[in-house]
Amino acid sequence: MKTNILLLALCLLLFSCRKDASDQLLWQCDNSQVLDSAATSTQIVGSWRLVQQRLGSSGEVVTTDKSVIVTFNSDSTFTVLENSSVTTQGHWGLYKFSSNSWALDLTAASPYLYGIISFCDNKVLFTDSVVDGNDNLFEKTD
């Protein structure tokens, strides 16, 4: 009986935390690149448009109802625009989130830029659902 309960609990845990196939492909693409901090810094420079969010509380995938553009500059400054108005600006750096993943260290907080950074082609995903936050998918605009 204990074995059955343990097996049931393990299955619930595994399947309740599962991401959709597009997130899995993006993570696999990112992991295959084996990016160090210098390569991650180089890839993040530019302007990015928010295209999709996964809400941490429900897991629901939504498209944003506002225009959000984030620009990371090579001088380690960044700006977040919502509907063409500056909402956040400051300096950015990287810190090692785990053995092979990076996250942003910001001087000014932005709800769009928390979590593990994953790159694939012209997309970047900030995965904060590991701590019940939102996942934010951006496409490069330049």
C-alpha atoms as a PDB file:
ATOM      1  CA  MET A   1       0.000   0.000   0.000  1.00  0.00           C
ATOM      2  CA  LYS A   2       2.811   2.418   0.882  1.00  0.00           C
ATOM      3  CA  THR A   3       4.441   1.661  -2.456  1.00  0.00           C
ATOM      4  CA  ASN A   4       1.232   2.475  -4.344  1.00  0.00           C
ATOM      5  CA  ILE A   5       0.795   5.776  -2.497  1.00  0.00           C
ATOM      6  CA  LEU A   6       4.416   6.706  -3.109  1.00  0.00           C
ATOM      7  CA  LEU A   7       4.103   5.834  -6.806  1.00  0.00           C
ATOM      8  CA  LEU A   8       0.889   7.870  -7.096  1.00  0.00           C
ATOM      9  CA  ALA A   9       2.496  10.874  -5.385  1.00  0.00           C
ATOM     10  CA  LEU A  10       5.537  10.653  -7.664  1.00  0.00           C
ATOM     11  CA  CYS A  11       3.348  10.513 -10.796  1.00  0.00           C
ATOM     12  CA  LEU A  12       1.313  13.508  -9.643  1.00  0.00           C
ATOM     13  CA  LEU A  13       4.462  15.480  -8.963  1.00  0.00           C
ATOM     14  CA  LEU A  14       6.023  14.677 -12.332  1.00  0.00           C
ATOM     15  CA  PHE A  15       2.932  15.381 -14.425  1.00  0.00           C
ATOM     16  CA  SER A  16       1.779  18.478 -12.557  1.00  0.00           C
ATOM     17  CA  CYS A  17       5.137  20.194 -13.157  1.00  0.00           C
ATOM     18  CA  ARG A  18       5.396  19.278 -16.829  1.00  0.00           C
ATOM     19  CA  LYS A  19       5.792  22.110 -19.339  1.00  0.00           C
ATOM     20  CA  ASP A  20       4.320  22.061 -22.821  1.00  0.00           C
ATOM     21  CA  ALA A  21       6.268  20.757 -25.812  1.00  0.00           C
ATOM     22  CA  SER A  22       7.367  24.205 -27.053  1.00  0.00           C
ATOM     23  CA  ASP A  23       9.044  24.995 -23.718  1.00  0.00           C
ATOM     24  CA  GLN A  24      10.746  21.587 -23.731  1.00  0.00           C
ATOM     25  CA  LEU A  25      12.104  22.184 -27.253  1.00  0.00           C
ATOM     26  CA  LEU A  26      13.367  25.636 -26.314  1.00  0.00           C
ATOM     27  CA  TRP A  27      15.147  24.272 -23.233  1.00  0.00           C
ATOM     28  CA  GLN A  28      16.696  21.438 -25.266  1.00  0.00           C
ATOM     29  CA  CYS A  29      17.860  23.953 -27.880  1.00  0.00           C
ATOM     30  CA  ASP A  30      19.333  26.168 -25.132  1.00  0.00           C
ATOM     31  CA  ASN A  31      21.034  23.260 -23.345  1.00  0.00           C
ATOM     32  CA  SER A  32      22.614  22.056 -26.595  1.00  0.00           C
ATOM     33  CA  GLN A  33      24.399  25.419 -26.909  1.00  0.00           C
ATOM     34  CA  VAL A  34      26.174  25.145 -23.505  1.00  0.00           C
ATOM     35  CA  LEU A  35      26.352  28.919 -23.042  1.00  0.00           C
ATOM     36  CA  ASP A  36      28.780  30.400 -20.539  1.00  0.00           C
ATOM     37  CA  SER A  37      28.278  33.855 -19.028  1.00  0.00           C
ATOM     38  CA  ALA A  38      30.098  35.635 -21.883  1.00  0.00           C
ATOM     39  CA  ALA A  39      28.015  33.922 -24.576  1.00  0.00           C
ATOM     40  CA  THR A  40      24.795  34.533 -22.622  1.00  0.00           C
ATOM     41  CA  SER A  41      25.706  38.221 -22.242  1.00  0.00           C
ATOM     42  CA  THR A  42      26.373  38.502 -25.971  1.00  0.00           C
ATOM     43  CA  GLN A  43      23.103  36.794 -26.917  1.00  0.00           C
ATOM     44  CA  ILE A  44      20.914  38.896 -24.640  1.00  0.00           C
ATOM     45  CA  VAL A  45      22.070  42.249 -26.051  1.00  0.00           C
ATOM     46  CA  GLY A  46      19.368  43.786 -28.247  1.00  0.00           C
ATOM     47  CA  SER A  47      15.664  44.521 -28.138  1.00  0.00           C
ATOM     48  CA  TRP A  48      13.071  41.887 -27.278  1.00  0.00           C
ATOM     49  CA  ARG A  49       9.261  41.932 -27.597  1.00  0.00           C
ATOM     50  CA  LEU A  50       7.096  39.985 -25.130  1.00  0.00           C
ATOM     51  CA  VAL A  51       4.970  37.511 -27.082  1.00  0.00           C
ATOM     52  CA  GLN A  52       3.615  35.092 -24.480  1.00  0.00           C
ATOM     53  CA  GLN A  53       3.324  34.459 -20.759  1.00  0.00           C
ATOM     54  CA  ARG A  54       2.617  31.322 -18.763  1.00  0.00           C
ATOM     55  CA  LEU A  55       0.923  32.323 -15.533  1.00  0.00           C
ATOM     56  CA  GLY A  56       2.623  30.632 -12.599  1.00  0.00           C
ATOM     57  CA  SER A  57      -0.497  30.333 -10.491  1.00  0.00           C
ATOM     58  CA  SER A  58      -2.571  28.486 -13.109  1.00  0.00           C
ATOM     59  CA  GLY A  59      -0.146  27.470 -15.856  1.00  0.00           C
ATOM     60  CA  GLU A  60      -2.437  29.213 -18.357  1.00  0.00           C
ATOM     61  CA  VAL A  61      -0.644  30.461 -21.486  1.00  0.00           C
ATOM     62  CA  VAL A  62      -1.703  33.963 -22.522  1.00  0.00           C
ATOM     63  CA  THR A  63      -0.672  36.554 -25.044  1.00  0.00           C
ATOM     64  CA  THR A  64      -0.007  39.932 -23.528  1.00  0.00           C
ATOM     65  CA  ASP A  65      -2.570  42.720 -23.853  1.00  0.00           C
ATOM     66  CA  LYS A  66       0.144  45.389 -23.913  1.00  0.00           C
ATOM     67  CA  SER A  67       3.276  46.068 -25.898  1.00  0.00           C
ATOM     68  CA  VAL A  68       6.332  45.188 -23.792  1.00  0.00           C
ATOM     69  CA  ILE A  69       9.787  45.812 -25.250  1.00  0.00           C
ATOM     70  CA  VAL A  70      12.962  45.135 -23.282  1.00  0.00           C
ATOM     71  CA  THR A  71      16.304  46.447 -24.510  1.00  0.00           C
ATOM     72  CA  PHE A  72      19.587  45.123 -23.126  1.00  0.00           C
ATOM     73  CA  ASN A  73      22.627  47.219 -24.039  1.00  0.00           C
ATOM     74  CA  SER A  74      26.245  46.080 -24.256  1.00  0.00           C
ATOM     75  CA  ASP A  75      27.159  48.617 -21.540  1.00  0.00           C
ATOM     76  CA  SER A  76      25.056  46.515 -19.114  1.00  0.00           C
ATOM     77  CA  THR A  77      22.108  48.926 -19.023  1.00  0.00           C
ATOM     78  CA  PHE A  78      18.533  47.916 -19.770  1.00  0.00           C
ATOM     79  CA  THR A  79      15.136  49.532 -20.335  1.00  0.00           C
ATOM     80  CA  VAL A  80      11.636  48.070 -20.158  1.00  0.00           C
ATOM     81  CA  LEU A  81       8.919  49.839 -22.157  1.00  0.00           C
ATOM     82  CA  GLU A  82       5.215  49.117 -21.662  1.00  0.00           C
ATOM     83  CA  ASN A  83       3.045  50.676 -24.364  1.00  0.00           C
ATOM     84  CA  SER A  84       5.975  52.978 -25.251  1.00  0.00           C
ATOM     85  CA  SER A  85       6.421  54.280 -21.673  1.00  0.00           C
ATOM     86  CA  VAL A  86       9.545  53.506 -19.654  1.00  0.00           C
ATOM     87  CA  THR A  87       8.556  51.407 -16.641  1.00  0.00           C
ATOM     88  CA  THR A  88      11.951  50.107 -15.554  1.00  0.00           C
ATOM     89  CA  GLN A  89      15.564  50.957 -16.283  1.00  0.00           C
ATOM     90  CA  GLY A  90      18.835  50.114 -14.672  1.00  0.00           C
ATOM     91  CA  HIS A  91      21.899  47.906 -14.972  1.00  0.00           C
ATOM     92  CA  TRP A  92      21.987  44.186 -15.606  1.00  0.00           C
ATOM     93  CA  GLY A  93      24.436  41.396 -14.953  1.00  0.00           C
ATOM     94  CA  LEU A  94      24.273  37.614 -14.808  1.00  0.00           C
ATOM     95  CA  TYR A  95      24.473  35.130 -11.996  1.00  0.00           C
ATOM     96  CA  LYS A  96      24.689  31.369 -12.111  1.00  0.00           C
ATOM     97  CA  PHE A  97      21.256  29.954 -11.249  1.00  0.00           C
ATOM     98  CA  SER A  98      22.393  26.334 -11.409  1.00  0.00           C
ATOM     99  CA  SER A  99      25.268  24.344 -12.877  1.00  0.00           C
ATOM    100  CA  ASN A 100      24.329  25.135 -16.493  1.00  0.00           C
ATOM    101  CA  SER A 101      21.822  27.991 -16.323  1.00  0.00           C
ATOM    102  CA  TRP A 102      21.950  31.760 -15.872  1.00  0.00           C
ATOM    103  CA  ALA A 103      19.591  34.432 -14.547  1.00  0.00           C
ATOM    104  CA  LEU A 104      19.640  38.223 -14.488  1.00  0.00           C
ATOM    105  CA  ASP A 105      20.914  40.340 -11.626  1.00  0.00           C
ATOM    106  CA  LEU A 106      19.087  43.681 -12.032  1.00  0.00           C
ATOM    107  CA  THR A 107      19.498  46.985 -10.192  1.00  0.00           C
ATOM    108  CA  ALA A 108      15.777  47.660 -10.784  1.00  0.00           C
ATOM    109  CA  ALA A 109      13.221  44.849 -10.643  1.00  0.00           C
ATOM    110  CA  SER A 110      10.982  43.967 -13.584  1.00  0.00           C
ATOM    111  CA  PRO A 111       8.248  41.326 -13.397  1.00  0.00           C
ATOM    112  CA  TYR A 112       9.136  40.182 -16.919  1.00  0.00           C
ATOM    113  CA  LEU A 113      12.797  39.370 -16.303  1.00  0.00           C
ATOM    114  CA  TYR A 114      12.868  36.900 -13.418  1.00  0.00           C
ATOM    115  CA  GLY A 115      14.058  33.327 -13.716  1.00  0.00           C
ATOM    116  CA  ILE A 116      16.279  31.053 -15.726  1.00  0.00           C
ATOM    117  CA  ILE A 117      17.322  32.389 -19.145  1.00  0.00           C
ATOM    118  CA  SER A 118      16.918  30.062 -22.155  1.00  0.00           C
ATOM    119  CA  PHE A 119      17.762  30.994 -25.752  1.00  0.00           C
ATOM    120  CA  CYS A 120      16.763  29.396 -29.027  1.00  0.00           C
ATOM    121  CA  ASP A 121      17.002  31.049 -32.432  1.00  0.00           C
ATOM    122  CA  ASN A 122      15.456  34.517 -32.015  1.00  0.00           C
ATOM    123  CA  LYS A 123      13.645  33.750 -28.737  1.00  0.00           C
ATOM    124  CA  VAL A 124      14.500  34.095 -25.067  1.00  0.00           C
ATOM    125  CA  LEU A 125      12.479  32.576 -22.239  1.00  0.00           C
ATOM    126  CA  PHE A 126      12.671  33.770 -18.637  1.00  0.00           C
ATOM    127  CA  THR A 127      11.429  30.801 -16.596  1.00  0.00           C
ATOM    128  CA  ASP A 128      10.260  31.833 -13.142  1.00  0.00           C
ATOM    129  CA  SER A 129       7.676  29.064 -12.706  1.00  0.00           C
ATOM    130  CA  VAL A 130      10.236  27.065 -10.737  1.00  0.00           C
ATOM    131  CA  VAL A 131       9.340  29.446  -7.886  1.00  0.00           C
ATOM    132  CA  ASP A 132       5.650  29.908  -8.858  1.00  0.00           C
ATOM    133  CA  GLY A 133       6.246  33.017 -10.939  1.00  0.00           C
ATOM    134  CA  ASN A 134       5.373  33.645 -14.572  1.00  0.00           C
ATOM    135  CA  ASP A 135       7.344  32.414 -17.563  1.00  0.00           C
ATOM    136  CA  ASN A 136       7.890  35.179 -20.139  1.00  0.00           C
ATOM    137  CA  LEU A 137       8.725  34.461 -23.792  1.00  0.00           C
ATOM    138  CA  PHE A 138      10.278  37.218 -25.899  1.00  0.00           C
ATOM    139  CA  GLU A 139      11.229  37.452 -29.593  1.00  0.00           C
ATOM    140  CA  LYS A 140      14.181  39.521 -30.778  1.00  0.00           C
ATOM    141  CA  THR A 141      13.137  42.638 -32.668  1.00  0.00           C
ATOM    142  CA  ASP A 142      16.517  43.708 -34.100  1.00  0.00           C
END
